[in-house]
Amino acid sequence: MPNPDTRYRRTARLIHWAMAILVLGMIPAGVAMVQPGIERSVQNALFLFHKNVGVVLLLLIVLRALYRWRHPPAPLPGDLPAWQHRAAGVSHVALYALLFLVPIAGYIRVMAGGFPIETLDWLGVPSLVPRSDALAEVAKTVHYFGGIALALLIATHIAAAAYHGIIRRDGVFSRMWPPFAKHGG
């Protein structure tokens, strides 16, 4: 059993794993929804899912960043090589940045393009950006390349977690797993 003092708090773990599940669903949905020849009803369902879950993810990353600011994680194990400490720090900053950037760019792309985000419409939230095809195209490009960067970084994050959990067995993976363990709040 890992040392409870080195684990993330339960709230941080729950937010992490909820976001992980949603993001891992968003990536294939985002790729599939723009493929030529996809049935229109399937494409519409994927667009609805992608746009509305994107709003949820943006809210979750704000919540997660605020929670992390108020409850910083315990330091990494002292025997971890310095380059892994640096890589973890850089990759976490990049993950947070992309988890903000990608949904914001998606929001701008949709709203500037004149498309709805059904959940926000239902809540009566007005668009925060003007209708602009040029702005929509820039946001579309940022969303696309940011999404690719995010997917690659997530793959690296998963590989690093597997390395620490399966090969090194140094407690780094167990800081975040399991999501429902009773440590902290």
N, C-alpha and C. Protein backbone atom coordinates (compact mmCIF):
# COMPACT_ATOMS: atom_id res chain seq x y z
N MET A 1 0.85 -1.19 0.00
CA MET A 1 0.00 0.00 0.00
C MET A 1 0.88 1.24 0.00
N PRO A 2 0.61 2.21 -0.88
CA PRO A 2 1.44 3.40 -0.93
C PRO A 2 1.27 4.27 0.32
N ASN A 3 2.28 5.04 0.58
CA ASN A 3 2.26 5.98 1.69
C ASN A 3 1.18 7.04 1.42
N PRO A 4 0.18 7.20 2.32
CA PRO A 4 -0.89 8.18 2.07
C PRO A 4 -0.37 9.61 1.94
N ASP A 5 0.79 9.90 2.52
CA ASP A 5 1.34 11.26 2.44
C ASP A 5 1.89 11.60 1.06
N THR A 6 2.09 10.61 0.21
CA THR A 6 2.61 10.87 -1.14
C THR A 6 1.51 10.82 -2.19
N ARG A 7 0.31 10.45 -1.81
CA ARG A 7 -0.80 10.32 -2.75
C ARG A 7 -1.46 11.67 -3.02
N TYR A 8 -2.07 11.76 -4.17
CA TYR A 8 -2.95 12.89 -4.44
C TYR A 8 -4.20 12.71 -3.59
N ARG A 9 -4.85 13.78 -3.24
CA ARG A 9 -6.09 13.69 -2.49
C ARG A 9 -7.18 13.06 -3.36
N ARG A 10 -8.18 12.49 -2.71
CA ARG A 10 -9.25 11.81 -3.43
C ARG A 10 -9.92 12.73 -4.45
N THR A 11 -10.19 13.96 -4.09
CA THR A 11 -10.83 14.90 -5.02
C THR A 11 -9.99 15.08 -6.27
N ALA A 12 -8.70 15.25 -6.10
CA ALA A 12 -7.81 15.41 -7.26
C ALA A 12 -7.82 14.16 -8.13
N ARG A 13 -7.81 13.00 -7.50
CA ARG A 13 -7.83 11.74 -8.26
C ARG A 13 -9.15 11.57 -9.01
N LEU A 14 -10.25 11.90 -8.37
CA LEU A 14 -11.56 11.77 -9.04
C LEU A 14 -11.66 12.70 -10.24
N ILE A 15 -11.21 13.94 -10.08
CA ILE A 15 -11.24 14.88 -11.21
C ILE A 15 -10.31 14.38 -12.31
N HIS A 16 -9.12 13.92 -11.94
CA HIS A 16 -8.17 13.41 -12.93
C HIS A 16 -8.77 12.29 -13.76
N TRP A 17 -9.35 11.29 -13.09
CA TRP A 17 -9.87 10.13 -13.81
C TRP A 17 -11.14 10.44 -14.58
N ALA A 18 -11.97 11.34 -14.07
CA ALA A 18 -13.15 11.76 -14.83
C ALA A 18 -12.70 12.45 -16.11
N MET A 19 -11.72 13.33 -16.00
CA MET A 19 -11.21 14.02 -17.18
C MET A 19 -10.54 13.03 -18.13
N ALA A 20 -9.80 12.09 -17.59
CA ALA A 20 -9.12 11.10 -18.44
C ALA A 20 -10.13 10.33 -19.28
N ILE A 21 -11.20 9.87 -18.65
CA ILE A 21 -12.23 9.12 -19.39
C ILE A 21 -12.86 10.00 -20.46
N LEU A 22 -13.21 11.23 -20.10
CA LEU A 22 -13.86 12.12 -21.07
C LEU A 22 -12.92 12.48 -22.22
N VAL A 23 -11.66 12.82 -21.91
CA VAL A 23 -10.71 13.17 -22.96
C VAL A 23 -10.44 11.98 -23.87
N LEU A 24 -10.29 10.81 -23.28
CA LEU A 24 -10.05 9.62 -24.10
C LEU A 24 -11.26 9.28 -24.98
N GLY A 25 -12.43 9.74 -24.61
CA GLY A 25 -13.60 9.61 -25.49
C GLY A 25 -13.66 10.70 -26.54
N MET A 26 -13.16 11.88 -26.19
CA MET A 26 -13.21 13.02 -27.11
C MET A 26 -12.27 12.84 -28.30
N ILE A 27 -11.13 12.24 -28.09
CA ILE A 27 -10.15 12.12 -29.17
C ILE A 27 -10.70 11.29 -30.34
N PRO A 28 -11.16 10.06 -30.10
CA PRO A 28 -11.70 9.32 -31.25
C PRO A 28 -12.97 9.95 -31.82
N ALA A 29 -13.79 10.55 -30.95
CA ALA A 29 -15.01 11.22 -31.45
C ALA A 29 -14.63 12.38 -32.36
N GLY A 30 -13.63 13.16 -31.95
CA GLY A 30 -13.19 14.30 -32.76
C GLY A 30 -12.61 13.87 -34.10
N VAL A 31 -11.88 12.78 -34.09
CA VAL A 31 -11.31 12.26 -35.35
C VAL A 31 -12.42 11.71 -36.24
N ALA A 32 -13.31 10.90 -35.66
CA ALA A 32 -14.35 10.23 -36.44
C ALA A 32 -15.35 11.21 -37.03
N MET A 33 -15.69 12.26 -36.29
CA MET A 33 -16.78 13.14 -36.73
C MET A 33 -16.45 13.93 -37.99
N VAL A 34 -15.20 14.04 -38.33
CA VAL A 34 -14.83 14.81 -39.53
C VAL A 34 -14.39 13.93 -40.69
N GLN A 35 -14.56 12.62 -40.53
CA GLN A 35 -14.17 11.71 -41.61
C GLN A 35 -15.18 11.76 -42.75
N PRO A 36 -14.69 11.78 -43.99
CA PRO A 36 -15.63 11.76 -45.11
C PRO A 36 -16.37 10.43 -45.16
N GLY A 37 -17.62 10.49 -45.59
CA GLY A 37 -18.41 9.29 -45.76
C GLY A 37 -19.09 8.79 -44.52
N ILE A 38 -18.90 9.47 -43.38
CA ILE A 38 -19.56 9.04 -42.16
C ILE A 38 -21.06 9.36 -42.28
N GLU A 39 -21.88 8.45 -41.79
CA GLU A 39 -23.33 8.65 -41.84
C GLU A 39 -23.70 9.94 -41.09
N ARG A 40 -24.58 10.73 -41.66
CA ARG A 40 -24.92 12.05 -41.12
C ARG A 40 -25.44 11.98 -39.68
N SER A 41 -26.28 11.00 -39.36
CA SER A 41 -26.82 10.90 -38.00
C SER A 41 -25.71 10.59 -36.99
N VAL A 42 -24.76 9.77 -37.39
CA VAL A 42 -23.61 9.45 -36.53
C VAL A 42 -22.74 10.69 -36.37
N GLN A 43 -22.51 11.38 -37.47
CA GLN A 43 -21.70 12.60 -37.43
C GLN A 43 -22.35 13.64 -36.51
N ASN A 44 -23.66 13.83 -36.63
CA ASN A 44 -24.36 14.79 -35.77
C ASN A 44 -24.23 14.41 -34.30
N ALA A 45 -24.39 13.13 -33.99
CA ALA A 45 -24.27 12.67 -32.60
C ALA A 45 -22.86 12.92 -32.07
N LEU A 46 -21.85 12.65 -32.91
CA LEU A 46 -20.47 12.88 -32.49
C LEU A 46 -20.19 14.37 -32.27
N PHE A 47 -20.71 15.23 -33.16
CA PHE A 47 -20.55 16.68 -32.97
C PHE A 47 -21.21 17.13 -31.67
N LEU A 48 -22.43 16.66 -31.41
CA LEU A 48 -23.12 17.02 -30.17
C LEU A 48 -22.29 16.59 -28.95
N PHE A 49 -21.83 15.35 -28.97
CA PHE A 49 -21.01 14.84 -27.87
C PHE A 49 -19.75 15.68 -27.70
N HIS A 50 -19.03 15.90 -28.80
CA HIS A 50 -17.74 16.58 -28.75
C HIS A 50 -17.87 18.02 -28.24
N LYS A 51 -18.84 18.76 -28.75
CA LYS A 51 -19.02 20.16 -28.33
C LYS A 51 -19.43 20.26 -26.87
N ASN A 52 -20.40 19.47 -26.48
CA ASN A 52 -20.94 19.60 -25.13
C ASN A 52 -20.02 19.02 -24.07
N VAL A 53 -19.36 17.93 -24.35
CA VAL A 53 -18.38 17.39 -23.40
C VAL A 53 -17.17 18.33 -23.33
N GLY A 54 -16.85 19.01 -24.43
CA GLY A 54 -15.78 20.01 -24.41
C GLY A 54 -16.05 21.09 -23.38
N VAL A 55 -17.31 21.52 -23.26
CA VAL A 55 -17.69 22.52 -22.25
C VAL A 55 -17.46 21.95 -20.85
N VAL A 56 -17.88 20.71 -20.65
CA VAL A 56 -17.69 20.06 -19.35
C VAL A 56 -16.20 19.96 -19.02
N LEU A 57 -15.39 19.58 -20.01
CA LEU A 57 -13.95 19.46 -19.77
C LEU A 57 -13.32 20.81 -19.43
N LEU A 58 -13.76 21.86 -20.09
CA LEU A 58 -13.22 23.18 -19.76
C LEU A 58 -13.55 23.55 -18.32
N LEU A 59 -14.76 23.29 -17.90
CA LEU A 59 -15.13 23.55 -16.50
C LEU A 59 -14.32 22.69 -15.54
N LEU A 60 -14.12 21.42 -15.89
CA LEU A 60 -13.34 20.53 -15.04
C LEU A 60 -11.88 20.96 -14.94
N ILE A 61 -11.29 21.44 -16.03
CA ILE A 61 -9.88 21.84 -15.94
C ILE A 61 -9.73 23.11 -15.10
N VAL A 62 -10.71 23.99 -15.15
CA VAL A 62 -10.68 25.17 -14.28
C VAL A 62 -10.79 24.71 -12.83
N LEU A 63 -11.74 23.82 -12.55
CA LEU A 63 -11.89 23.28 -11.20
C LEU A 63 -10.62 22.57 -10.75
N ARG A 64 -10.05 21.79 -11.64
CA ARG A 64 -8.83 21.05 -11.30
C ARG A 64 -7.66 21.97 -11.01
N ALA A 65 -7.49 23.00 -11.81
CA ALA A 65 -6.39 23.95 -11.59
C ALA A 65 -6.58 24.69 -10.27
N LEU A 66 -7.80 25.11 -9.99
CA LEU A 66 -8.06 25.78 -8.71
C LEU A 66 -7.81 24.84 -7.54
N TYR A 67 -8.25 23.61 -7.66
CA TYR A 67 -8.05 22.64 -6.59
C TYR A 67 -6.55 22.38 -6.38
N ARG A 68 -5.83 22.23 -7.47
CA ARG A 68 -4.38 21.98 -7.36
C ARG A 68 -3.66 23.18 -6.73
N TRP A 69 -4.12 24.37 -7.05
CA TRP A 69 -3.53 25.57 -6.46
C TRP A 69 -3.75 25.59 -4.95
N ARG A 70 -4.95 25.18 -4.51
CA ARG A 70 -5.26 25.17 -3.08
C ARG A 70 -4.68 23.95 -2.36
N HIS A 71 -4.48 22.86 -3.10
CA HIS A 71 -4.01 21.60 -2.51
C HIS A 71 -2.89 21.03 -3.38
N PRO A 72 -1.68 21.58 -3.28
CA PRO A 72 -0.58 21.07 -4.11
C PRO A 72 -0.29 19.61 -3.79
N PRO A 73 0.12 18.85 -4.82
CA PRO A 73 0.44 17.44 -4.57
C PRO A 73 1.73 17.30 -3.77
N ALA A 74 1.87 16.15 -3.15
CA ALA A 74 3.12 15.84 -2.44
C ALA A 74 4.25 15.77 -3.46
N PRO A 75 5.47 16.04 -3.02
CA PRO A 75 6.60 15.97 -3.95
C PRO A 75 6.80 14.54 -4.48
N LEU A 76 7.42 14.47 -5.63
CA LEU A 76 7.76 13.18 -6.22
C LEU A 76 8.82 12.49 -5.35
N PRO A 77 8.95 11.18 -5.48
CA PRO A 77 9.97 10.47 -4.69
C PRO A 77 11.36 11.07 -4.90
N GLY A 78 12.13 11.12 -3.83
CA GLY A 78 13.46 11.71 -3.88
C GLY A 78 14.45 10.94 -4.73
N ASP A 79 14.22 9.65 -4.94
CA ASP A 79 15.16 8.85 -5.73
C ASP A 79 14.87 8.92 -7.24
N LEU A 80 13.91 9.72 -7.62
CA LEU A 80 13.60 9.87 -9.05
C LEU A 80 14.72 10.68 -9.70
N PRO A 81 15.23 10.25 -10.86
CA PRO A 81 16.28 11.03 -11.53
C PRO A 81 15.82 12.46 -11.81
N ALA A 82 16.75 13.38 -11.77
CA ALA A 82 16.43 14.81 -11.96
C ALA A 82 15.74 15.05 -13.30
N TRP A 83 16.16 14.35 -14.35
CA TRP A 83 15.54 14.59 -15.66
C TRP A 83 14.07 14.18 -15.65
N GLN A 84 13.71 13.15 -14.83
CA GLN A 84 12.31 12.75 -14.73
C GLN A 84 11.49 13.77 -13.94
N HIS A 85 12.10 14.38 -12.92
CA HIS A 85 11.44 15.48 -12.20
C HIS A 85 11.12 16.61 -13.17
N ARG A 86 12.12 16.99 -13.97
CA ARG A 86 11.92 18.09 -14.94
C ARG A 86 10.89 17.71 -15.99
N ALA A 87 10.99 16.49 -16.51
CA ALA A 87 10.04 16.03 -17.53
C ALA A 87 8.61 16.02 -16.98
N ALA A 88 8.45 15.57 -15.74
CA ALA A 88 7.12 15.55 -15.12
C ALA A 88 6.58 16.98 -14.99
N GLY A 89 7.43 17.89 -14.54
CA GLY A 89 7.00 19.29 -14.38
C GLY A 89 6.60 19.92 -15.70
N VAL A 90 7.45 19.75 -16.72
CA VAL A 90 7.16 20.32 -18.04
C VAL A 90 5.92 19.69 -18.64
N SER A 91 5.79 18.38 -18.54
CA SER A 91 4.64 17.70 -19.15
C SER A 91 3.34 18.07 -18.45
N HIS A 92 3.36 18.25 -17.14
CA HIS A 92 2.14 18.66 -16.45
C HIS A 92 1.73 20.08 -16.81
N VAL A 93 2.69 20.97 -16.91
CA VAL A 93 2.37 22.34 -17.34
C VAL A 93 1.79 22.31 -18.76
N ALA A 94 2.40 21.53 -19.64
CA ALA A 94 1.91 21.42 -21.01
C ALA A 94 0.52 20.80 -21.06
N LEU A 95 0.27 19.77 -20.26
CA LEU A 95 -1.06 19.16 -20.21
C LEU A 95 -2.12 20.17 -19.76
N TYR A 96 -1.84 20.89 -18.69
CA TYR A 96 -2.79 21.90 -18.22
C TYR A 96 -3.02 22.96 -19.30
N ALA A 97 -1.95 23.43 -19.92
CA ALA A 97 -2.09 24.47 -20.95
C ALA A 97 -2.95 23.97 -22.11
N LEU A 98 -2.68 22.74 -22.57
CA LEU A 98 -3.45 22.20 -23.69
C LEU A 98 -4.88 21.87 -23.29
N LEU A 99 -5.09 21.44 -22.06
CA LEU A 99 -6.44 21.16 -21.59
C LEU A 99 -7.28 22.43 -21.47
N PHE A 100 -6.63 23.58 -21.36
CA PHE A 100 -7.33 24.87 -21.45
C PHE A 100 -7.48 25.29 -22.91
N LEU A 101 -6.38 25.26 -23.63
CA LEU A 101 -6.33 25.79 -25.00
C LEU A 101 -7.27 25.07 -25.96
N VAL A 102 -7.25 23.75 -25.95
CA VAL A 102 -8.02 22.99 -26.95
C VAL A 102 -9.52 23.24 -26.82
N PRO A 103 -10.13 23.16 -25.63
CA PRO A 103 -11.56 23.45 -25.57
C PRO A 103 -11.90 24.92 -25.83
N ILE A 104 -11.02 25.82 -25.42
CA ILE A 104 -11.28 27.24 -25.70
C ILE A 104 -11.25 27.48 -27.21
N ALA A 105 -10.25 26.91 -27.89
CA ALA A 105 -10.19 27.05 -29.35
C ALA A 105 -11.41 26.39 -30.00
N GLY A 106 -11.84 25.26 -29.47
CA GLY A 106 -13.04 24.61 -29.99
C GLY A 106 -14.28 25.47 -29.80
N TYR A 107 -14.40 26.07 -28.63
CA TYR A 107 -15.52 26.98 -28.36
C TYR A 107 -15.51 28.15 -29.35
N ILE A 108 -14.35 28.76 -29.52
CA ILE A 108 -14.25 29.90 -30.44
C ILE A 108 -14.58 29.46 -31.86
N ARG A 109 -14.07 28.30 -32.26
CA ARG A 109 -14.34 27.80 -33.61
C ARG A 109 -15.84 27.63 -33.85
N VAL A 110 -16.52 27.02 -32.88
CA VAL A 110 -17.96 26.76 -33.02
C VAL A 110 -18.76 28.06 -33.00
N MET A 111 -18.50 28.89 -32.01
CA MET A 111 -19.30 30.11 -31.87
C MET A 111 -19.01 31.12 -32.98
N ALA A 112 -17.74 31.30 -33.32
CA ALA A 112 -17.40 32.24 -34.41
C ALA A 112 -17.92 31.70 -35.74
N GLY A 113 -18.04 30.39 -35.85
CA GLY A 113 -18.58 29.79 -37.07
C GLY A 113 -20.10 29.82 -37.15
N GLY A 114 -20.74 30.30 -36.08
CA GLY A 114 -22.19 30.42 -36.09
C GLY A 114 -22.93 29.14 -35.75
N PHE A 115 -22.25 28.19 -35.11
CA PHE A 115 -22.87 26.92 -34.75
C PHE A 115 -23.28 26.95 -33.28
N PRO A 116 -24.23 26.11 -32.90
CA PRO A 116 -24.65 26.11 -31.49
C PRO A 116 -23.79 25.19 -30.63
N ILE A 117 -23.77 25.50 -29.35
CA ILE A 117 -23.34 24.55 -28.33
C ILE A 117 -24.58 24.37 -27.47
N GLU A 118 -25.24 23.27 -27.68
CA GLU A 118 -26.59 23.06 -27.18
C GLU A 118 -26.73 23.25 -25.68
N THR A 119 -25.80 22.77 -24.90
CA THR A 119 -25.87 22.92 -23.45
C THR A 119 -25.84 24.39 -23.06
N LEU A 120 -24.94 25.14 -23.67
CA LEU A 120 -24.85 26.57 -23.35
C LEU A 120 -26.10 27.31 -23.82
N ASP A 121 -26.62 26.94 -24.98
CA ASP A 121 -27.87 27.55 -25.46
C ASP A 121 -29.01 27.26 -24.49
N TRP A 122 -29.10 26.00 -24.04
CA TRP A 122 -30.15 25.60 -23.12
C TRP A 122 -30.05 26.38 -21.80
N LEU A 123 -28.82 26.67 -21.37
CA LEU A 123 -28.60 27.44 -20.14
C LEU A 123 -28.74 28.94 -20.35
N GLY A 124 -28.90 29.36 -21.61
CA GLY A 124 -29.05 30.79 -21.91
C GLY A 124 -27.74 31.55 -21.90
N VAL A 125 -26.62 30.87 -22.07
CA VAL A 125 -25.31 31.52 -22.07
C VAL A 125 -25.07 32.12 -23.46
N PRO A 126 -24.88 33.43 -23.52
CA PRO A 126 -24.65 34.05 -24.84
C PRO A 126 -23.23 33.76 -25.34
N SER A 127 -23.05 33.91 -26.63
CA SER A 127 -21.72 33.73 -27.22
C SER A 127 -20.79 34.81 -26.70
N LEU A 128 -19.57 34.41 -26.41
CA LEU A 128 -18.55 35.36 -25.93
C LEU A 128 -17.64 35.83 -27.06
N VAL A 129 -17.89 35.36 -28.27
CA VAL A 129 -17.07 35.76 -29.42
C VAL A 129 -17.99 36.18 -30.57
N PRO A 130 -17.51 37.09 -31.41
CA PRO A 130 -18.33 37.52 -32.53
C PRO A 130 -18.37 36.46 -33.64
N ARG A 131 -19.38 36.53 -34.45
CA ARG A 131 -19.47 35.67 -35.63
C ARG A 131 -18.41 36.14 -36.61
N SER A 132 -17.48 35.23 -36.98
CA SER A 132 -16.39 35.59 -37.88
C SER A 132 -15.81 34.33 -38.49
N ASP A 133 -15.94 34.21 -39.81
CA ASP A 133 -15.39 33.04 -40.49
C ASP A 133 -13.87 32.99 -40.36
N ALA A 134 -13.21 34.15 -40.41
CA ALA A 134 -11.75 34.19 -40.29
C ALA A 134 -11.31 33.71 -38.90
N LEU A 135 -11.98 34.21 -37.86
CA LEU A 135 -11.67 33.79 -36.50
C LEU A 135 -11.96 32.30 -36.32
N ALA A 136 -13.06 31.83 -36.90
CA ALA A 136 -13.41 30.41 -36.81
C ALA A 136 -12.33 29.55 -37.45
N GLU A 137 -11.77 29.97 -38.57
CA GLU A 137 -10.72 29.20 -39.24
C GLU A 137 -9.44 29.15 -38.42
N VAL A 138 -9.06 30.28 -37.82
CA VAL A 138 -7.86 30.30 -36.97
C VAL A 138 -8.08 29.37 -35.77
N ALA A 139 -9.24 29.49 -35.13
CA ALA A 139 -9.54 28.64 -33.97
C ALA A 139 -9.59 27.17 -34.36
N LYS A 140 -10.12 26.88 -35.54
CA LYS A 140 -10.17 25.49 -36.02
C LYS A 140 -8.76 24.92 -36.15
N THR A 141 -7.84 25.71 -36.68
CA THR A 141 -6.45 25.27 -36.83
C THR A 141 -5.80 25.06 -35.47
N VAL A 142 -6.01 26.00 -34.55
CA VAL A 142 -5.45 25.88 -33.20
C VAL A 142 -6.02 24.64 -32.51
N HIS A 143 -7.34 24.44 -32.65
CA HIS A 143 -7.99 23.28 -32.03
C HIS A 143 -7.44 21.97 -32.61
N TYR A 144 -7.26 21.93 -33.91
CA TYR A 144 -6.77 20.72 -34.58
C TYR A 144 -5.35 20.38 -34.12
N PHE A 145 -4.43 21.34 -34.26
CA PHE A 145 -3.04 21.06 -33.89
C PHE A 145 -2.86 20.93 -32.38
N GLY A 146 -3.63 21.69 -31.61
CA GLY A 146 -3.61 21.52 -30.15
C GLY A 146 -4.10 20.15 -29.75
N GLY A 147 -5.14 19.66 -30.46
CA GLY A 147 -5.66 18.33 -30.19
C GLY A 147 -4.64 17.24 -30.47
N ILE A 148 -3.91 17.41 -31.57
CA ILE A 148 -2.85 16.44 -31.89
C ILE A 148 -1.77 16.47 -30.81
N ALA A 149 -1.35 17.67 -30.44
CA ALA A 149 -0.32 17.80 -29.39
C ALA A 149 -0.81 17.20 -28.08
N LEU A 150 -2.08 17.44 -27.75
CA LEU A 150 -2.65 16.89 -26.52
C LEU A 150 -2.68 15.37 -26.57
N ALA A 151 -3.10 14.80 -27.69
CA ALA A 151 -3.15 13.34 -27.82
C ALA A 151 -1.75 12.74 -27.67
N LEU A 152 -0.75 13.36 -28.28
CA LEU A 152 0.62 12.86 -28.16
C LEU A 152 1.13 12.97 -26.72
N LEU A 153 0.82 14.08 -26.08
CA LEU A 153 1.25 14.27 -24.70
C LEU A 153 0.54 13.29 -23.76
N ILE A 154 -0.72 13.02 -24.03
CA ILE A 154 -1.45 12.03 -23.22
C ILE A 154 -0.85 10.64 -23.42
N ALA A 155 -0.50 10.30 -24.64
CA ALA A 155 0.15 9.01 -24.89
C ALA A 155 1.46 8.90 -24.11
N THR A 156 2.22 9.99 -24.09
CA THR A 156 3.47 10.02 -23.32
C THR A 156 3.19 9.88 -21.83
N HIS A 157 2.15 10.58 -21.36
CA HIS A 157 1.76 10.53 -19.95
C HIS A 157 1.37 9.10 -19.55
N ILE A 158 0.59 8.44 -20.40
CA ILE A 158 0.19 7.05 -20.14
C ILE A 158 1.40 6.12 -20.14
N ALA A 159 2.31 6.33 -21.09
CA ALA A 159 3.52 5.51 -21.14
C ALA A 159 4.36 5.70 -19.87
N ALA A 160 4.48 6.95 -19.42
CA ALA A 160 5.25 7.22 -18.20
C ALA A 160 4.58 6.58 -16.99
N ALA A 161 3.26 6.68 -16.92
CA ALA A 161 2.52 6.05 -15.81
C ALA A 161 2.72 4.54 -15.82
N ALA A 162 2.66 3.93 -17.01
CA ALA A 162 2.88 2.48 -17.12
C ALA A 162 4.31 2.12 -16.70
N TYR A 163 5.27 2.91 -17.13
CA TYR A 163 6.67 2.68 -16.75
C TYR A 163 6.82 2.68 -15.23
N HIS A 164 6.23 3.70 -14.58
CA HIS A 164 6.35 3.80 -13.12
C HIS A 164 5.54 2.73 -12.40
N GLY A 165 4.39 2.35 -12.96
CA GLY A 165 3.54 1.38 -12.30
C GLY A 165 3.94 -0.06 -12.53
N ILE A 166 4.45 -0.37 -13.73
CA ILE A 166 4.74 -1.76 -14.08
C ILE A 166 6.23 -2.09 -13.99
N ILE A 167 7.06 -1.21 -14.49
CA ILE A 167 8.49 -1.50 -14.56
C ILE A 167 9.22 -1.02 -13.30
N ARG A 168 9.12 0.26 -13.02
CA ARG A 168 9.88 0.81 -11.90
C ARG A 168 9.23 0.51 -10.55
N ARG A 169 7.93 0.47 -10.49
CA ARG A 169 7.18 0.19 -9.25
C ARG A 169 7.67 1.05 -8.09
N ASP A 170 7.74 2.33 -8.36
CA ASP A 170 8.31 3.26 -7.39
C ASP A 170 7.28 4.09 -6.63
N GLY A 171 5.99 3.81 -6.82
CA GLY A 171 4.95 4.54 -6.11
C GLY A 171 4.42 5.75 -6.84
N VAL A 172 5.02 6.13 -7.97
CA VAL A 172 4.56 7.31 -8.70
C VAL A 172 3.14 7.07 -9.25
N PHE A 173 2.92 5.92 -9.86
CA PHE A 173 1.58 5.62 -10.40
C PHE A 173 0.54 5.53 -9.28
N SER A 174 0.91 4.92 -8.17
CA SER A 174 -0.06 4.74 -7.08
C SER A 174 -0.39 6.04 -6.37
N ARG A 175 0.30 7.12 -6.69
CA ARG A 175 -0.08 8.44 -6.16
C ARG A 175 -1.45 8.86 -6.69
N MET A 176 -1.78 8.41 -7.92
CA MET A 176 -3.02 8.80 -8.57
C MET A 176 -4.02 7.64 -8.68
N TRP A 177 -3.60 6.42 -8.37
CA TRP A 177 -4.47 5.25 -8.49
C TRP A 177 -4.57 4.55 -7.15
N PRO A 178 -5.68 4.03 -6.75
CA PRO A 178 -6.97 4.06 -7.43
C PRO A 178 -7.71 5.37 -7.16
N PRO A 179 -8.66 5.69 -8.02
CA PRO A 179 -9.34 6.99 -7.89
C PRO A 179 -10.21 7.11 -6.63
N PHE A 180 -10.73 5.99 -6.09
CA PHE A 180 -11.68 6.08 -5.01
C PHE A 180 -11.11 5.77 -3.63
N ALA A 181 -9.79 5.57 -3.55
CA ALA A 181 -9.19 5.26 -2.24
C ALA A 181 -9.51 6.38 -1.25
N LYS A 182 -9.47 6.06 0.02
CA LYS A 182 -9.99 6.98 1.05
C LYS A 182 -9.04 8.04 1.54
N HIS A 183 -7.91 8.27 0.89
CA HIS A 183 -6.99 9.29 1.40
C HIS A 183 -7.43 10.68 0.98
N GLY A 184 -7.46 11.60 1.92
CA GLY A 184 -7.63 13.03 1.65
C GLY A 184 -8.99 13.40 1.07
N GLY A 185 -9.17 14.75 0.91
CA GLY A 185 -10.45 15.24 0.41
C GLY A 185 -10.33 16.22 -0.67
